[in-house]
Protein backbone atom coordinates (compact mmCIF):
# COMPACT_ATOMS: atom_id res chain seq x y z
CA MET A 1 64.84 192.63 80.66
CA GLN A 2 63.45 194.41 77.66
CA THR A 3 63.60 193.84 73.92
CA LYS A 4 64.36 196.88 71.81
CA PHE A 5 64.61 197.62 68.07
CA ILE A 6 66.76 200.38 66.66
CA SER A 7 66.59 201.95 63.23
CA ILE A 8 69.07 204.67 62.28
CA THR A 9 69.30 206.48 58.98
CA LEU A 10 72.73 207.70 57.94
CA THR A 11 73.85 209.85 55.05
CA LEU A 12 77.34 208.99 53.88
CA ALA A 13 79.26 211.37 51.66
CA LEU A 14 81.46 209.28 49.39
CA SER A 15 81.46 211.58 45.91
CA ALA A 16 80.63 211.70 41.49
CA ALA A 17 83.52 210.93 39.34
CA ALA A 18 85.07 214.24 38.41
CA PRO A 19 88.58 215.23 37.39
CA PHE A 20 90.81 217.36 39.57
CA ALA A 21 90.90 220.96 38.46
CA GLN A 22 94.59 220.66 37.64
CA GLU A 23 95.42 218.92 34.33
CA ASN A 24 98.15 216.33 34.17
CA PRO A 25 101.05 218.39 32.75
CA ASP A 26 102.29 215.69 30.36
CA ASP A 27 98.75 215.04 29.04
CA SER A 28 99.28 211.29 29.35
CA MET A 29 96.56 208.60 29.30
CA GLN A 30 96.60 208.38 33.10
CA LYS A 31 95.00 211.38 34.82
CA PRO A 32 93.96 212.10 38.43
CA GLN A 33 90.23 211.69 39.15
CA LYS A 34 87.84 212.09 42.10
CA PHE A 35 84.86 209.99 43.15
CA GLU A 36 81.94 211.27 45.23
CA ARG A 37 78.47 209.86 45.87
CA THR A 38 75.88 210.35 48.61
CA ILE A 39 74.36 207.16 50.01
CA THR A 40 71.48 206.99 52.48
CA ARG A 41 70.81 203.72 54.28
CA THR A 42 69.17 202.34 57.41
CA LEU A 43 70.95 200.48 60.20
CA HIS A 44 69.01 198.25 62.55
CA ALA A 45 69.55 195.81 65.40
CA ASP A 46 67.49 193.78 67.83
CA TYR A 47 68.89 193.69 71.36
CA LEU A 48 68.20 192.84 74.97
CA LEU A 49 68.32 195.71 77.45
CA PHE A 50 68.82 195.02 81.14
CA THR A 51 68.46 197.78 83.73
CA PRO A 52 69.34 197.15 87.40
CA LYS A 53 66.98 197.12 90.35
CA GLY A 54 66.41 200.72 91.41
CA TYR A 55 67.21 202.10 87.97
CA LYS A 56 65.40 205.23 86.81
CA THR A 57 65.78 206.59 83.30
CA ALA A 58 65.08 210.15 84.40
CA GLY A 59 66.94 209.95 87.68
CA GLU A 60 70.07 211.90 88.55
CA LYS A 61 72.15 208.73 88.95
CA LYS A 62 74.10 207.57 85.92
CA TRP A 63 74.89 203.88 85.55
CA PRO A 64 77.85 201.99 84.07
CA LEU A 65 77.09 200.04 80.92
CA ILE A 66 78.34 196.75 79.48
CA LEU A 67 78.05 196.13 75.75
CA PHE A 68 78.09 192.35 75.28
CA LEU A 69 78.70 190.62 71.94
CA HIS A 70 77.63 186.98 71.67
CA GLY A 71 79.23 184.20 69.63
CA ALA A 72 78.35 182.76 66.21
CA GLY A 73 75.96 180.17 67.66
CA GLU A 74 73.59 182.84 68.98
CA ARG A 75 73.03 184.62 65.65
CA GLY A 76 69.52 184.78 64.20
CA SER A 77 66.17 186.34 65.08
CA ASP A 78 65.40 184.63 68.41
CA LEU A 79 66.58 187.10 71.03
CA GLN A 80 66.38 184.53 73.81
CA LYS A 81 69.42 182.80 72.29
CA VAL A 82 71.45 185.88 73.24
CA ALA A 83 70.81 185.18 76.94
CA VAL A 84 72.40 181.71 76.85
CA HIS A 85 75.87 182.97 77.85
CA GLY A 86 77.53 185.89 79.52
CA PRO A 87 76.01 188.93 81.25
CA PRO A 88 72.48 188.51 79.75
CA ARG A 89 72.39 185.03 81.32
CA ILE A 90 73.72 186.25 84.66
CA VAL A 91 71.26 189.11 85.08
CA LYS A 92 68.26 186.76 84.86
CA ALA A 93 69.15 185.63 88.38
CA LYS A 94 70.71 188.89 89.59
CA PRO A 95 68.31 191.86 89.31
CA GLU A 96 70.75 193.88 91.41
CA PHE A 97 73.56 193.46 88.83
CA PRO A 98 75.05 196.99 88.92
CA PHE A 99 75.28 197.66 85.18
CA ILE A 100 73.02 198.51 82.30
CA VAL A 101 73.60 195.57 79.94
CA VAL A 102 73.10 195.94 76.18
CA SER A 103 73.17 192.62 74.30
CA PRO A 104 72.53 192.96 70.55
CA GLN A 105 71.89 190.01 68.24
CA CYS A 106 73.84 189.53 65.04
CA PRO A 107 71.63 188.33 62.12
CA SER A 108 72.08 184.83 60.72
CA GLY A 109 74.99 184.47 58.31
CA GLU A 110 76.50 187.83 59.25
CA GLN A 111 79.33 189.10 61.44
CA TRP A 112 79.43 192.01 63.84
CA SER A 113 79.25 195.44 62.19
CA ASN A 114 81.18 198.21 63.93
CA GLU A 115 78.93 200.79 62.28
CA VAL A 116 75.76 199.19 63.61
CA LEU A 117 77.19 198.65 67.09
CA ILE A 118 78.53 202.17 67.64
CA ASN A 119 75.27 203.72 66.44
CA LEU A 120 73.30 201.36 68.66
CA LEU A 121 75.43 202.44 71.60
CA ASP A 122 74.83 206.12 70.80
CA ASP A 123 71.09 205.49 70.61
CA VAL A 124 71.05 203.73 74.00
CA ILE A 125 73.04 206.57 75.56
CA SER A 126 70.49 209.07 74.25
CA ARG A 127 67.62 207.11 75.85
CA GLN A 128 69.07 205.74 79.08
CA ALA A 129 70.85 207.04 82.20
CA VAL A 130 74.34 205.99 81.11
CA ASP A 131 77.59 207.07 82.74
CA THR A 132 79.57 207.66 79.55
CA ASN A 133 82.86 207.51 81.50
CA ARG A 134 82.11 203.89 82.43
CA ILE A 135 81.21 201.98 79.28
CA TYR A 136 82.72 198.50 79.03
CA LEU A 137 83.05 196.21 76.02
CA THR A 138 83.20 192.43 76.07
CA GLY A 139 82.33 189.46 73.90
CA LEU A 140 83.00 185.78 73.35
CA SER A 141 84.30 183.87 70.31
CA MET A 142 82.86 185.75 67.29
CA GLY A 143 81.97 188.43 69.84
CA GLY A 144 85.57 188.36 71.05
CA PHE A 145 86.69 189.16 67.51
CA GLY A 146 83.97 191.83 67.34
CA SER A 147 85.15 193.34 70.63
CA TRP A 148 88.75 193.65 69.48
CA SER A 149 87.61 195.22 66.20
CA LEU A 150 85.17 197.71 67.73
CA ALA A 151 87.69 198.73 70.38
CA MET A 152 90.38 199.37 67.77
CA GLN A 153 88.08 201.54 65.68
CA TYR A 154 86.63 203.53 68.59
CA PRO A 155 89.16 203.16 71.45
CA GLU A 156 88.16 206.44 73.06
CA ARG A 157 84.64 205.14 73.82
CA TRP A 158 85.55 202.38 76.29
CA ALA A 159 86.61 202.45 79.92
CA ALA A 160 87.87 198.87 79.61
CA LEU A 161 87.88 195.94 77.18
CA ALA A 162 87.50 192.20 77.96
CA PRO A 163 87.59 189.99 74.82
CA ILE A 164 87.18 186.22 75.35
CA CYS A 165 88.54 183.51 72.99
CA GLY A 166 88.71 185.94 70.08
CA GLY A 167 91.34 187.65 67.99
CA GLY A 168 91.87 190.56 65.66
CA ASP A 169 94.00 192.46 63.20
CA SER A 170 97.24 193.03 65.12
CA ILE A 171 98.84 194.79 62.11
CA ARG A 172 96.03 197.37 62.08
CA LEU A 173 96.72 197.95 65.76
CA LEU A 174 100.46 198.38 65.24
CA LEU A 175 99.85 200.87 62.41
CA ALA A 176 97.53 203.09 64.47
CA GLY A 177 98.70 206.65 64.84
CA GLY A 178 97.76 210.02 66.27
CA VAL A 179 94.76 210.35 68.59
CA ARG A 180 93.68 206.76 67.99
CA LYS A 181 97.06 205.38 69.04
CA LYS A 182 97.00 207.49 72.19
CA ALA A 183 93.54 206.17 73.08
CA LEU A 184 94.64 202.57 72.44
CA GLN A 185 97.72 203.05 74.62
CA SER A 186 95.52 204.02 77.57
CA LEU A 187 92.74 201.43 77.07
CA PRO A 188 92.75 198.81 79.85
CA VAL A 189 92.57 195.31 78.32
CA TRP A 190 91.96 191.97 80.03
CA ALA A 191 91.75 189.11 77.52
CA PHE A 192 90.86 185.48 78.23
CA HIS A 193 91.48 182.22 76.37
CA GLY A 194 91.56 178.48 76.87
CA ALA A 195 94.92 176.78 76.27
CA LYS A 196 93.17 173.80 74.65
CA ASP A 197 90.89 175.83 72.37
CA THR A 198 90.76 174.09 68.98
CA THR A 199 88.12 176.43 67.54
CA VAL A 200 90.01 179.71 67.99
CA SER A 201 93.64 179.11 68.85
CA LEU A 202 95.24 180.81 71.83
CA GLU A 203 97.69 182.43 69.44
CA ASN A 204 94.93 184.83 68.31
CA SER A 205 94.66 186.43 71.76
CA GLU A 206 98.42 186.30 72.30
CA LYS A 207 99.07 188.30 69.11
CA MET A 208 96.61 191.01 70.10
CA VAL A 209 97.95 191.33 73.64
CA GLU A 210 101.51 191.48 72.36
CA ALA A 211 100.56 194.17 69.83
CA PHE A 212 98.98 196.30 72.58
CA LYS A 213 102.20 195.99 74.57
CA LYS A 214 104.28 196.99 71.53
CA ILE A 215 102.35 200.24 71.06
CA GLY A 216 103.02 201.15 74.69
CA ASN A 217 99.90 199.97 76.52
CA LYS A 218 100.89 199.35 80.16
CA GLU A 219 97.58 197.85 81.29
CA VAL A 220 97.01 194.78 79.14
CA GLU A 221 96.74 191.25 80.51
CA LEU A 222 95.95 187.78 79.17
CA THR A 223 94.47 185.07 81.39
CA VAL A 224 94.93 181.55 80.00
CA TYR A 225 92.93 178.65 81.44
CA PRO A 226 95.27 175.64 81.13
CA GLU A 227 92.53 173.00 80.87
CA ALA A 228 89.84 174.99 79.05
CA GLY A 229 88.84 174.45 75.44
CA HIS A 230 86.74 176.94 73.51
CA ASP A 231 84.46 177.64 76.46
CA SER A 232 86.63 180.05 78.37
CA TRP A 233 83.67 182.39 78.85
CA THR A 234 81.72 180.55 81.57
CA GLU A 235 84.52 180.80 84.12
CA THR A 236 85.28 184.37 83.05
CA TYR A 237 81.76 185.75 83.29
CA ASP A 238 81.04 183.86 86.53
CA ASN A 239 84.04 185.51 88.18
CA PRO A 240 83.04 188.61 90.24
CA LYS A 241 86.58 189.94 89.81
CA LEU A 242 85.84 190.78 86.16
CA TYR A 243 83.08 193.20 87.15
CA GLU A 244 85.18 194.64 89.99
CA TRP A 245 87.90 195.24 87.40
CA PHE A 246 85.42 196.96 85.09
CA LEU A 247 84.19 199.27 87.84
CA ALA A 248 87.75 200.16 88.83
CA HIS A 249 88.19 201.90 85.46
CA GLU A 250 86.79 205.13 84.09
CA ARG A 251 87.53 206.88 80.83
CA LYS A 252 87.29 210.63 80.74
CA LYS A 253 87.50 212.93 77.74
CA GLY A 254 91.04 213.23 76.51
CA ASP A 255 92.09 209.78 77.73
């Protein structure tokens, strides 16, 4: 397991206040305007990188990848906290785990940033032997919310999605259109939640699953653990069927 640091500089075109060329015909007090400004900033993230036994960066073989998002309790600057739950915990005892696992850490007091995460993923892909048709997204609690959000913004990037005890903006999902809606309709989703969760209610996952069904997604499922509270992730991540389900899905261009 390796520790990596990523720093990415982006230039965002936003624009300077300037009027449209066309004058308002009635010359009223309210006139159309434009705003444009260029902003340059740096994105960064600390993360754990696991590569399986037999992995070679320069080899011909490409490997499936899991992007794992931890919960609120693992935020901070101590990367070892990230390995308390989920895939980064599992791989410590399973060097043959058949995925590249990328486990970023969210800074203290912050929430997951889609912009940081998608650029981190792109950076990892540029450096590692990743099968880009088999990239899987999962997370627990705050990371479950982050997984729903990232998947909705970039649905074409994931072969499958497995959010645990999270939730999201179901209205945003229902309002999706065009290419994004098509990608969301074909994104396999397997969500998990505890029926007795008093931290994040089961209703949060139910709303998201129902919204996916309403937009026409035919491969969306919710597993509810009747006796589980907030910790619905231990049973989920310890279940080999989750990883078999991941590997049964590929996402090719145009899907």
